[in-house]
Protein backbone atom coordinates (compact mmCIF):
# COMPACT_ATOMS: atom_id res chain seq x y z
CA MET A 1 11.84 12.10 23.14
CA PRO A 2 8.44 13.80 23.33
CA SER A 3 5.51 11.96 21.84
CA VAL A 4 4.54 12.88 18.29
CA LEU A 5 0.94 12.61 19.47
CA MET A 6 1.34 15.05 22.35
CA PRO A 7 0.35 18.67 21.66
CA MET A 8 3.20 20.78 20.35
CA GLN A 9 4.25 23.70 22.46
CA ALA A 10 2.88 26.77 20.71
CA GLY A 11 5.63 29.08 19.58
CA ILE A 12 8.51 26.62 19.86
CA SER A 13 10.85 27.67 17.12
CA ARG A 14 12.83 24.50 16.44
CA SER A 15 11.07 21.28 15.65
CA ALA A 16 14.30 19.56 16.67
CA GLU A 17 13.50 20.49 20.26
CA ARG A 18 10.35 18.38 20.02
CA ILE A 19 11.94 15.43 18.22
CA ALA A 20 15.71 15.54 18.47
CA LEU A 21 17.49 14.34 15.37
CA VAL A 22 20.58 14.11 13.30
CA SER A 23 19.73 14.20 9.62
CA PRO A 24 21.79 12.61 6.85
CA ASP A 25 20.41 15.19 4.42
CA PHE A 26 20.72 18.25 6.66
CA ASN A 27 24.42 18.20 7.51
CA ASP A 28 24.27 21.69 9.00
CA CYS A 29 21.90 20.57 11.78
CA PRO A 30 23.01 22.47 14.93
CA ALA A 31 24.51 20.68 17.89
CA SER A 32 21.34 21.27 19.89
CA CYS A 33 19.51 18.94 17.46
CA ARG A 34 21.70 15.94 18.21
CA HIS A 35 20.37 13.00 20.15
CA ASP A 36 22.52 9.95 20.72
CA SER A 37 20.20 7.56 22.53
CA LEU A 38 16.70 6.25 22.23
CA PRO A 39 14.61 6.32 25.38
CA GLU A 40 14.50 2.92 27.06
CA THR A 41 10.70 2.96 26.96
CA GLU A 42 8.02 4.90 25.16
CA SER A 43 4.79 5.91 26.85
CA HIS A 44 1.75 4.78 24.89
CA GLY A 45 -0.89 5.36 27.55
CA THR A 46 -2.37 3.10 30.19
CA LEU A 47 -5.06 1.17 28.32
CA THR A 48 -4.02 -2.49 28.55
CA TYR A 49 -6.17 -3.29 25.49
CA HIS A 50 -3.42 -1.88 23.31
CA ASP A 51 -0.67 -3.91 24.95
CA ASP A 52 -2.34 -7.32 24.68
CA PRO A 53 -1.68 -8.93 21.25
CA ALA A 54 -4.26 -11.61 22.05
CA LEU A 55 -6.96 -8.95 21.78
CA GLN A 56 -5.59 -7.81 18.40
CA PRO A 57 -5.48 -10.88 16.14
CA GLY A 58 -4.57 -8.74 13.11
CA ARG A 59 -1.58 -7.13 14.81
CA PRO A 60 1.68 -7.84 12.94
CA PRO A 61 4.69 -9.17 14.86
CA GLU A 62 7.16 -6.67 16.27
CA LEU A 63 9.49 -5.23 13.66
CA GLN A 64 13.10 -6.30 14.13
CA PHE A 65 15.78 -3.78 13.21
CA ALA A 66 19.19 -4.89 11.97
CA GLY A 67 22.07 -4.35 14.42
CA ASP A 68 22.65 -1.02 16.12
CA VAL A 69 20.40 1.85 15.10
CA GLY A 70 22.47 4.85 14.01
CA PRO A 71 21.94 8.34 15.44
CA ALA A 72 20.33 9.60 12.22
CA GLU A 73 17.70 6.85 12.25
CA ARG A 74 16.88 6.79 15.99
CA PRO A 75 14.15 9.45 15.77
CA VAL A 76 12.40 7.46 13.04
CA VAL A 77 12.53 4.31 15.15
CA GLY A 78 11.10 6.20 18.12
CA ILE A 79 8.21 7.56 16.05
CA TYR A 80 7.62 4.15 14.47
CA ARG A 81 7.34 2.45 17.84
CA GLU A 82 4.87 5.07 18.96
CA ILE A 83 2.58 4.84 15.94
CA ALA A 84 2.84 1.04 15.87
CA ALA A 85 0.95 1.21 19.18
CA SER A 86 -1.31 4.20 18.52
CA GLN A 87 -2.97 2.61 15.46
CA TRP A 88 -4.78 0.32 17.95
CA TRP A 89 -6.14 3.17 20.06
CA PRO A 90 -9.93 3.55 20.19
CA ALA A 91 -11.16 6.15 17.71
CA GLU A 92 -12.19 8.61 20.43
CA ARG A 93 -8.76 8.56 22.03
CA MET A 94 -7.11 9.25 18.67
CA ARG A 95 -9.58 12.05 18.00
CA ARG A 96 -8.71 13.76 21.29
CA ALA A 97 -4.99 13.45 20.54
CA GLN A 98 -5.56 15.01 17.11
CA PHE A 99 -7.49 17.99 18.46
CA GLY A 100 -4.88 18.54 21.16
CA GLN A 101 -2.20 18.62 18.47
CA LEU A 102 -4.45 20.85 16.39
CA ALA A 103 -4.74 23.38 19.24
CA ALA A 104 -0.96 23.86 19.24
CA LEU A 105 -0.84 24.11 15.45
CA VAL A 106 -3.64 26.70 15.39
CA GLU A 107 -1.91 28.81 18.02
CA HIS A 108 1.37 28.66 16.10
CA ALA A 109 -0.39 29.68 12.87
CA ARG A 110 -2.22 32.55 14.57
CA ARG A 111 1.01 33.96 16.03
CA HIS A 112 3.50 33.31 13.25
CA VAL A 113 1.70 32.97 9.90
CA PRO A 114 0.32 36.29 8.53
CA PHE A 115 -2.37 34.61 6.44
CA TYR A 116 -4.09 33.25 9.56
CA ALA A 117 -3.87 36.32 11.83
CA ALA A 118 -7.53 37.26 11.29
CA ARG A 119 -8.78 33.99 9.81
CA LEU A 120 -8.33 32.10 13.09
CA GLU A 121 -9.93 34.68 15.37
CA GLY A 122 -12.92 32.45 16.11
CA VAL A 123 -10.93 29.22 16.49
CA ARG A 124 -9.35 28.94 19.94
CA PRO A 125 -8.81 26.06 22.38
CA GLY A 126 -11.48 25.63 25.02
CA ALA A 127 -11.09 24.86 28.70
CA SER A 128 -10.10 21.30 27.84
CA GLY A 129 -7.17 22.55 25.79
CA LEU A 130 -8.73 21.15 22.61
CA VAL A 131 -10.06 23.03 19.60
CA ASP A 132 -13.86 23.02 19.53
CA GLU A 133 -15.02 20.95 16.56
CA ASP A 134 -17.90 23.28 15.66
CA ALA A 135 -15.54 26.26 15.67
CA TRP A 136 -13.09 24.28 13.57
CA ARG A 137 -15.75 23.50 10.96
CA SER A 138 -16.61 27.19 10.72
CA LEU A 139 -13.11 27.87 9.36
CA PRO A 140 -13.27 28.36 5.55
CA LEU A 141 -11.66 25.72 3.38
CA LEU A 142 -8.24 26.56 2.00
CA GLU A 143 -8.22 26.20 -1.80
CA LYS A 144 -5.17 25.37 -3.92
CA ALA A 145 -5.52 28.61 -5.87
CA GLU A 146 -5.51 30.47 -2.56
CA VAL A 147 -2.27 28.77 -1.54
CA GLN A 148 -0.67 29.83 -4.81
CA ARG A 149 -1.94 33.41 -4.47
CA GLU A 150 -1.08 33.83 -0.77
CA HIS A 151 2.06 31.72 -0.87
CA ALA A 152 4.36 34.21 0.89
CA ASP A 153 1.92 34.92 3.73
CA LEU A 154 1.40 31.20 4.40
CA LYS A 155 5.06 30.71 5.33
CA SER A 156 5.75 30.70 9.04
CA ARG A 157 7.77 33.54 10.58
CA GLY A 158 8.14 31.58 13.83
CA LEU A 159 10.85 29.07 12.92
CA ASP A 160 14.36 29.47 14.25
CA PRO A 161 16.82 30.58 11.51
CA ARG A 162 18.72 27.34 12.13
CA GLU A 163 15.63 25.29 11.31
CA LYS A 164 16.18 23.51 8.02
CA VAL A 165 13.12 23.90 5.79
CA ALA A 166 12.73 21.95 2.57
CA ALA A 167 10.59 22.83 -0.45
CA ARG A 168 8.37 20.22 -2.09
CA GLN A 169 6.64 20.69 -5.43
CA THR A 170 3.53 18.93 -6.70
CA SER A 171 3.61 17.27 -10.12
CA GLY A 172 1.34 19.88 -11.68
CA SER A 173 -0.93 17.20 -13.15
CA THR A 174 -3.97 19.38 -12.41
CA GLY A 175 -2.48 22.67 -13.58
CA VAL A 176 0.34 24.85 -12.25
CA PRO A 177 2.72 23.04 -9.86
CA LEU A 178 2.38 24.08 -6.23
CA GLU A 179 5.35 24.53 -3.90
CA VAL A 180 4.97 23.82 -0.19
CA TYR A 181 7.45 23.84 2.69
CA ILE A 182 8.10 21.20 5.34
CA THR A 183 10.56 20.67 8.18
CA TRP A 184 12.68 17.62 8.85
CA ILE A 185 10.08 16.33 11.29
CA ASN A 186 7.66 15.88 8.40
CA ARG A 187 10.26 13.75 6.62
CA LEU A 188 10.70 11.61 9.75
CA LEU A 189 6.95 11.12 10.07
CA PHE A 190 6.67 10.14 6.41
CA ALA A 191 9.41 7.52 6.86
CA ALA A 192 7.79 6.07 9.98
CA ILE A 193 4.33 5.86 8.38
CA ARG A 194 5.78 4.13 5.32
CA MET A 195 7.60 1.64 7.54
CA ARG A 196 4.34 0.85 9.36
CA PHE A 197 2.50 0.42 6.06
CA LEU A 198 5.06 -1.93 4.52
CA HIS A 199 5.49 -4.00 7.68
CA ALA A 200 1.72 -4.44 8.06
CA HIS A 201 1.58 -5.93 4.56
CA GLY A 202 4.39 -8.39 5.22
CA TYR A 203 7.12 -6.69 3.22
CA GLU A 204 10.41 -8.56 3.41
CA PHE A 205 13.09 -5.92 3.30
CA THR A 206 15.66 -8.33 1.89
CA GLY A 207 13.77 -8.44 -1.41
CA LYS A 208 14.71 -6.59 -4.58
CA VAL A 209 12.42 -3.70 -5.61
CA VAL A 210 11.80 -2.31 -9.09
CA ASP A 211 10.24 1.16 -8.82
CA ILE A 212 8.88 2.56 -12.10
CA HIS A 213 8.14 6.23 -11.58
CA PRO A 214 8.73 9.70 -13.08
CA MET A 215 12.43 10.53 -13.10
CA SER A 216 13.92 14.00 -12.89
CA ALA A 217 14.12 16.25 -15.93
CA GLU A 218 17.91 15.80 -15.95
CA ASP A 219 17.63 12.05 -16.55
CA PRO A 220 17.53 10.80 -20.15
CA LEU A 221 14.34 9.18 -21.39
CA GLY A 222 14.18 5.58 -20.28
CA ALA A 223 16.79 6.07 -17.58
CA VAL A 224 17.52 3.29 -15.09
CA ARG A 225 19.17 3.80 -11.71
CA ARG A 226 20.56 0.99 -9.58
CA HIS A 227 21.03 1.21 -5.80
CA ALA A 228 22.64 -1.39 -3.55
CA MET A 229 19.98 -0.88 -0.87
CA TRP A 230 16.56 0.67 -0.35
CA GLU A 231 16.10 4.39 0.23
CA TRP A 232 16.76 6.07 3.58
CA PRO A 233 16.11 5.09 6.32
CA LEU A 234 15.15 1.54 5.30
CA GLY A 235 18.58 0.72 3.89
CA GLU A 236 20.19 1.83 7.16
CA LEU A 237 17.72 0.07 9.47
CA PHE A 238 17.47 -3.29 7.68
CA GLU A 239 19.47 -5.63 5.50
CA THR A 240 17.70 -4.83 2.24
CA GLY A 241 17.82 -6.01 -1.32
CA GLU A 242 18.60 -3.82 -4.31
CA LEU A 243 16.45 -0.93 -5.48
CA ILE A 244 16.12 -0.46 -9.25
CA GLU A 245 14.46 2.72 -10.52
CA MET A 246 13.17 3.12 -14.07
CA ASP A 247 11.64 6.08 -15.87
CA ILE A 248 7.87 5.62 -16.18
CA CYS A 249 8.04 7.18 -19.64
CA SER A 250 10.04 4.18 -20.86
CA GLU A 251 8.35 2.04 -23.48
CA ILE A 252 6.28 -0.79 -22.01
CA PRO A 253 8.36 -3.54 -23.75
CA ASP A 254 11.46 -2.05 -22.11
CA GLN A 255 9.74 -2.09 -18.71
CA VAL A 256 8.74 -5.72 -19.23
CA ASP A 257 12.32 -6.62 -20.21
CA LEU A 258 13.67 -4.94 -17.07
CA LEU A 259 11.22 -6.77 -14.81
CA GLU A 260 12.01 -10.13 -16.37
CA ARG A 261 15.75 -9.49 -16.23
CA GLU A 262 15.86 -8.19 -12.65
CA ALA A 263 13.32 -10.67 -11.19
CA PRO A 264 12.20 -8.39 -8.32
CA ARG A 265 10.21 -9.44 -5.28
CA TYR A 266 8.26 -6.15 -5.36
CA CYS A 267 7.18 -3.81 -8.15
CA VAL A 268 6.06 -0.23 -7.47
CA THR A 269 4.35 1.98 -10.08
CA HIS A 270 1.30 4.07 -11.00
CA PRO A 271 -1.98 2.18 -11.59
CA SER A 272 -2.26 3.44 -15.18
CA ASN A 273 1.23 2.15 -15.94
CA LEU A 274 0.45 -1.15 -14.21
CA ARG A 275 -2.56 -1.63 -16.47
CA LEU A 276 -0.29 -1.37 -19.53
CA LEU A 277 2.17 -3.82 -17.98
CA LEU A 278 -0.64 -6.28 -17.22
CA ALA A 279 -1.84 -6.08 -20.81
CA ALA A 280 1.69 -6.85 -22.03
CA PHE A 281 2.11 -9.82 -19.68
CA ARG A 282 -1.34 -11.14 -20.54
CA LYS A 283 -0.52 -10.97 -24.24
CA SER A 284 2.79 -12.79 -23.81
CA GLY A 285 1.38 -15.36 -21.39
CA ARG A 286 4.43 -14.95 -19.14
CA ARG A 287 4.60 -14.24 -15.40
CA LEU A 288 7.26 -13.08 -12.95
CA PRO A 289 7.95 -16.10 -10.70
CA SER A 290 9.94 -14.03 -8.20
CA LEU A 291 7.23 -11.38 -7.72
CA ARG A 292 5.38 -11.37 -4.39
CA MET A 293 3.47 -8.09 -4.42
CA VAL A 294 2.68 -5.00 -6.50
CA ARG A 295 2.43 -1.62 -4.80
CA THR A 296 0.68 1.32 -6.47
CA ARG A 297 0.59 5.03 -5.73
CA GLY A 298 -0.22 8.40 -7.27
CA GLU A 299 -3.59 7.55 -8.85
CA THR A 300 -6.91 5.95 -8.02
CA ILE A 301 -7.10 2.18 -8.27
CA SER A 302 -10.13 0.25 -9.52
CA PRO A 303 -11.31 -3.16 -8.31
CA GLU A 304 -10.83 -4.42 -11.86
CA VAL A 305 -7.09 -3.63 -11.84
CA ARG A 306 -6.72 -5.34 -8.45
CA ALA A 307 -8.41 -8.45 -9.84
CA GLU A 308 -6.40 -8.34 -13.07
CA CYS A 309 -3.14 -8.13 -11.11
CA ARG A 310 -4.00 -11.37 -9.29
CA GLU A 311 -5.17 -13.02 -12.49
CA VAL A 312 -2.22 -12.07 -14.70
CA LEU A 313 0.70 -11.93 -12.26
CA GLY A 314 -0.72 -14.09 -9.47
CA VAL A 315 0.12 -11.57 -6.72
CA PRO A 316 -1.83 -9.13 -4.55
CA LEU A 317 -1.84 -5.37 -5.04
CA ILE A 318 -1.54 -2.87 -2.19
CA ASP A 319 -2.12 0.85 -2.49
CA ALA A 320 -1.49 4.05 -0.57
CA TYR A 321 -3.10 7.47 -0.94
CA GLY A 322 -1.11 10.62 -0.32
CA ALA A 323 -0.20 14.08 -1.53
CA THR A 324 2.95 16.17 -1.71
CA GLU A 325 1.27 18.69 0.57
CA ALA A 326 0.41 16.16 3.29
CA GLY A 327 2.50 13.00 2.90
CA TYR A 328 0.68 9.72 3.54
CA ILE A 329 -3.05 10.40 4.01
CA ALA A 330 -4.44 6.85 3.98
CA THR A 331 -2.93 3.40 3.43
CA GLN A 332 -4.61 0.14 2.51
CA CYS A 333 -5.61 -2.13 5.38
CA PRO A 334 -3.61 -5.39 5.33
CA GLY A 335 -6.83 -7.41 5.62
CA HIS A 336 -9.10 -5.48 3.25
CA ASP A 337 -9.12 -3.32 0.12
CA HIS A 338 -10.22 -0.20 2.00
CA TYR A 339 -7.90 2.42 3.51
CA HIS A 340 -7.00 3.58 7.01
CA VAL A 341 -6.53 7.32 7.51
CA GLN A 342 -3.09 8.11 8.94
CA SER A 343 -4.53 10.08 11.83
CA GLU A 344 -1.26 10.59 13.70
CA THR A 345 -0.09 12.99 11.01
CA ASN A 346 -3.24 14.24 9.26
CA LEU A 347 -6.69 15.36 10.34
CA VAL A 348 -8.90 14.24 7.45
CA GLU A 349 -12.47 15.42 6.82
CA VAL A 350 -14.76 14.07 4.08
CA LEU A 351 -17.43 16.67 3.43
CA HIS A 352 -20.69 17.09 1.54
CA ASP A 353 -21.06 20.11 -0.73
CA ASP A 354 -22.75 21.98 2.16
CA GLY A 355 -19.74 21.39 4.41
CA THR A 356 -21.31 18.78 6.68
CA PRO A 357 -19.34 15.57 7.40
CA CYS A 358 -20.06 12.46 5.34
CA GLY A 359 -21.08 9.30 7.16
CA PRO A 360 -20.34 5.67 6.25
CA GLY A 361 -21.40 4.91 2.68
CA GLU A 362 -21.41 8.60 1.68
CA SER A 363 -18.94 10.29 -0.66
CA GLY A 364 -17.57 13.80 -0.50
CA ARG A 365 -14.50 15.96 -0.94
CA ILE A 366 -11.34 15.30 1.07
CA VAL A 367 -10.14 18.13 3.30
CA VAL A 368 -6.83 17.58 5.09
CA THR A 369 -4.84 19.36 7.80
CA PRO A 370 -1.23 18.17 8.25
CA LEU A 371 -0.86 18.27 12.03
CA GLN A 372 2.90 18.74 12.41
CA ASN A 373 3.82 21.15 9.61
CA LEU A 374 4.88 24.39 11.27
CA ALA A 375 6.78 25.66 8.21
CA MET A 376 3.65 26.19 6.10
CA PRO A 377 0.44 25.29 7.97
CA LEU A 378 -2.35 24.17 5.65
CA LEU A 379 -5.53 24.33 7.72
CA ARG A 380 -8.58 22.62 6.18
CA TYR A 381 -6.88 22.27 2.82
CA ASP A 382 -9.15 21.14 -0.02
CA LEU A 383 -7.12 18.61 -1.98
CA GLY A 384 -9.66 18.46 -4.81
CA ASP A 385 -10.08 14.70 -4.28
CA PHE A 386 -13.16 12.69 -3.38
CA ALA A 387 -13.60 9.59 -1.22
CA GLU A 388 -16.26 7.37 0.31
CA VAL A 389 -16.32 6.98 4.10
CA GLY A 390 -16.34 3.43 5.47
CA GLU A 391 -17.48 1.71 8.64
CA ALA A 392 -15.06 0.94 11.47
CA CYS A 393 -12.66 -1.80 10.41
CA PRO A 394 -12.91 -5.32 11.91
CA CYS A 395 -9.11 -5.55 11.91
CA GLY A 396 -9.10 -3.75 15.27
CA ARG A 397 -7.32 -0.57 14.23
CA GLY A 398 -9.04 2.57 15.49
CA LEU A 399 -7.93 4.61 12.47
CA PRO A 400 -10.87 5.94 10.38
CA VAL A 401 -11.74 4.10 7.17
CA LEU A 402 -12.04 5.37 3.62
CA ARG A 403 -13.85 2.67 1.67
CA ARG A 404 -12.79 4.01 -1.70
CA ILE A 405 -10.67 6.86 -3.07
CA HIS A 406 -12.49 8.35 -6.05
CA GLY A 407 -9.79 10.75 -7.20
CA ARG A 408 -9.99 14.33 -8.34
CA GLU A 409 -13.01 16.23 -9.58
CA LYS A 410 -11.68 15.93 -13.11
CA GLU A 411 -11.83 12.12 -12.65
CA VAL A 412 -15.52 12.13 -11.66
CA LEU A 413 -18.25 11.62 -14.27
CA THR A 414 -21.10 14.16 -14.20
CA LEU A 415 -24.44 12.78 -15.41
CA PRO A 416 -26.76 14.91 -17.55
CA SER A 417 -28.90 15.36 -14.40
CA GLY A 418 -25.93 16.97 -12.65
CA GLU A 419 -25.44 13.96 -10.34
CA LYS A 420 -21.86 12.78 -9.78
CA ARG A 421 -20.92 9.21 -10.68
CA TYR A 422 -17.87 8.21 -8.66
CA SER A 423 -17.76 4.47 -9.39
CA PHE A 424 -16.88 4.76 -13.09
CA PHE A 425 -14.18 2.34 -14.27
CA PRO A 426 -13.39 2.85 -17.98
CA SER A 427 -10.96 -0.06 -18.22
CA THR A 428 -13.86 -2.53 -18.06
CA LEU A 429 -15.24 -1.14 -21.35
CA PHE A 430 -12.34 -2.59 -23.33
CA LYS A 431 -11.99 -6.00 -21.67
CA ASP A 432 -11.39 -8.82 -24.18
CA ILE A 433 -10.98 -6.32 -27.04
CA PRO A 434 -7.28 -6.81 -27.88
CA GLY A 435 -7.19 -4.18 -30.62
CA VAL A 436 -7.20 -1.35 -28.05
CA ALA A 437 -3.63 -0.48 -27.00
CA ARG A 438 -4.45 2.65 -24.98
CA PHE A 439 -7.53 4.73 -24.34
CA GLN A 440 -8.91 7.78 -22.59
CA ILE A 441 -12.51 8.88 -22.12
CA VAL A 442 -13.05 12.63 -21.97
CA GLN A 443 -16.30 14.26 -20.88
CA THR A 444 -16.27 17.29 -23.15
CA LYS A 445 -19.83 18.41 -22.38
CA LEU A 446 -22.53 17.54 -19.88
CA THR A 447 -24.09 15.21 -22.47
CA GLU A 448 -21.04 14.21 -24.54
CA LEU A 449 -18.25 11.68 -24.08
CA GLU A 450 -15.25 11.38 -26.38
CA LEU A 451 -13.48 8.01 -26.68
CA ARG A 452 -9.82 8.55 -27.57
CA ILE A 453 -8.26 5.29 -28.64
CA VAL A 454 -4.82 4.16 -29.76
CA ALA A 455 -5.72 1.06 -31.81
CA GLU A 456 -3.38 -1.67 -32.97
CA ARG A 457 -5.81 -2.38 -35.82
CA PRO A 458 -9.18 -1.05 -36.99
CA LEU A 459 -11.96 -2.03 -34.60
CA THR A 460 -14.85 -3.96 -36.06
CA PRO A 461 -18.41 -2.56 -35.92
CA GLY A 462 -19.25 -5.35 -33.48
CA GLU A 463 -16.41 -4.34 -31.14
CA CYS A 464 -17.46 -0.69 -31.26
CA GLY A 465 -21.01 -1.75 -30.45
CA VAL A 466 -19.85 -3.75 -27.43
CA ILE A 467 -17.85 -0.77 -26.13
CA GLU A 468 -20.79 1.62 -26.56
CA ALA A 469 -23.17 -0.81 -24.83
CA ARG A 470 -20.80 -1.21 -21.89
CA LEU A 471 -20.36 2.55 -21.66
CA GLU A 472 -24.11 3.12 -21.52
CA ASN A 473 -24.45 0.40 -18.91
CA GLN A 474 -21.90 2.13 -16.67
CA ALA A 475 -22.59 5.80 -17.36
CA GLY A 476 -26.31 5.57 -18.10
CA PRO A 477 -28.26 6.95 -21.08
CA GLY A 478 -28.22 10.52 -22.32
CA PHE A 479 -24.65 10.76 -23.60
CA ALA A 480 -23.62 11.31 -27.21
CA ILE A 481 -20.47 9.31 -27.97
CA ARG A 482 -17.70 10.62 -30.23
CA TRP A 483 -14.91 8.34 -31.42
CA ALA A 484 -11.38 9.71 -31.86
CA PHE A 485 -8.66 7.32 -33.06
CA VAL A 486 -5.28 8.85 -32.25
CA ASP A 487 -1.60 7.90 -32.52
CA GLU A 488 -0.71 8.67 -28.90
CA ILE A 489 -2.25 9.72 -25.61
CA PRO A 490 0.51 11.60 -23.79
CA PRO A 491 0.84 11.29 -20.01
CA LEU A 492 0.20 14.22 -17.72
CA PRO A 493 3.07 15.98 -15.92
CA GLY A 494 4.31 13.52 -13.33
CA GLY A 495 3.80 10.51 -15.59
CA LYS A 496 0.11 9.90 -14.84
CA ARG A 497 -2.06 8.43 -17.59
CA MET A 498 -5.65 9.21 -16.73
CA GLU A 499 -8.29 6.84 -18.11
CA PHE A 500 -11.04 9.40 -17.59
CA VAL A 501 -10.89 13.21 -17.69
CA SER A 502 -13.80 15.56 -17.15
CA GLU A 503 -13.71 18.98 -18.78
CA ILE A 504 -16.94 19.94 -17.01
CA LYS A 505 -16.37 22.81 -14.60
CA ALA A 506 -17.63 22.51 -11.04
CA GLY A 507 -21.27 23.41 -10.82
CA GLY A 508 -22.12 22.43 -14.36
């Protein structure tokens, strides 16, 4: 089984020839894809630093798989074993592996993707076989609108007709949904990265999970699905507990009832939905004795929500940052609140407005290049999100650090001076004011903020004064505040409930 971190052969038409597989979802996988045995050993390089657990005190114990690994899951296990070791590589070694992989991806895109035929003319591997970083940074960013407009020309013509390609669609929370294409290898990588993330945080696969998330349009409102085991491949690789899914659009009392009735070990949901659950549990004074951890996804998470989760439910919160277009981009470090970039699968750049890289302590826009997607290469794709770069992590992992994920441009406050304020946490404005059931702050103009509030009762003048004082303390002076008491604040497509929305267009 070739290494996922070795450069892909440019022009290879079947990803199955690089990572052989049998897929439970792709039953028409050709015979040439089948692989009935894992290699006895995997090659992870010759640096003994990475093989000595004594030099890596934060390294989790080896993951034990249940019984015999089936042929469909063997490729995932092989990838997992590889990335379980590569996360401890020095940063420079990982960087070289990325740019070797990038060279193969660039060559494939140049030859087989019409959109890149001329665009990549100045980006070619050097004598070392790696893409030159200065040449790479000269490549224009790929915008979401451009992907929508040039959708047909971004699809690869170089895949074998037998290659199974799957379509994935974004939630459309920022506008029109975007459809992208991936191969089965991308699904395998996603599964392996998730396994590494959960294992690092001490997940016990035998536990029951309640996952509150957006259900499909075919499901009735408030739908609940029950599964005897966790989703593929976890249910096949481990003895797992049950998985209970619930529609995130269900009423909060119904969600609370389900959690109390099912007594899960783990709860998974969006941060905005978690905040509503925490408010309900705080009000009732009850806890979930069986709960060991909350996992969030899909939105930015504030330090206040992390702290509230510990205070109200008595458990830690872990978070992962990803996108439909790129899979897992960064996952929370098991020893800290910051995030490690998943460098085996994504080349991530955090850039200033002038295109130069941000250093530790600086914030900029996130630009991502999925390194193994041959079906629809997205080179230097501007996600529209912002993050702060962090220092190297003391945990020993060589993966780059994102200290904080700020979210999308529409989640960033613009001050009257034009300066961006990333660390703006609206939930703190309403702490200890029980009359506020739900809220949303909307920046309607450069100097105007609208407070939309669903109130359980009329707020007193004193409470309104406290909220306005807290808002000025966080956002600074110069804003006119408009109050709007409403009956409901509907979620965005995909179930997200944004606490802050900016209607200010980029550049003013």
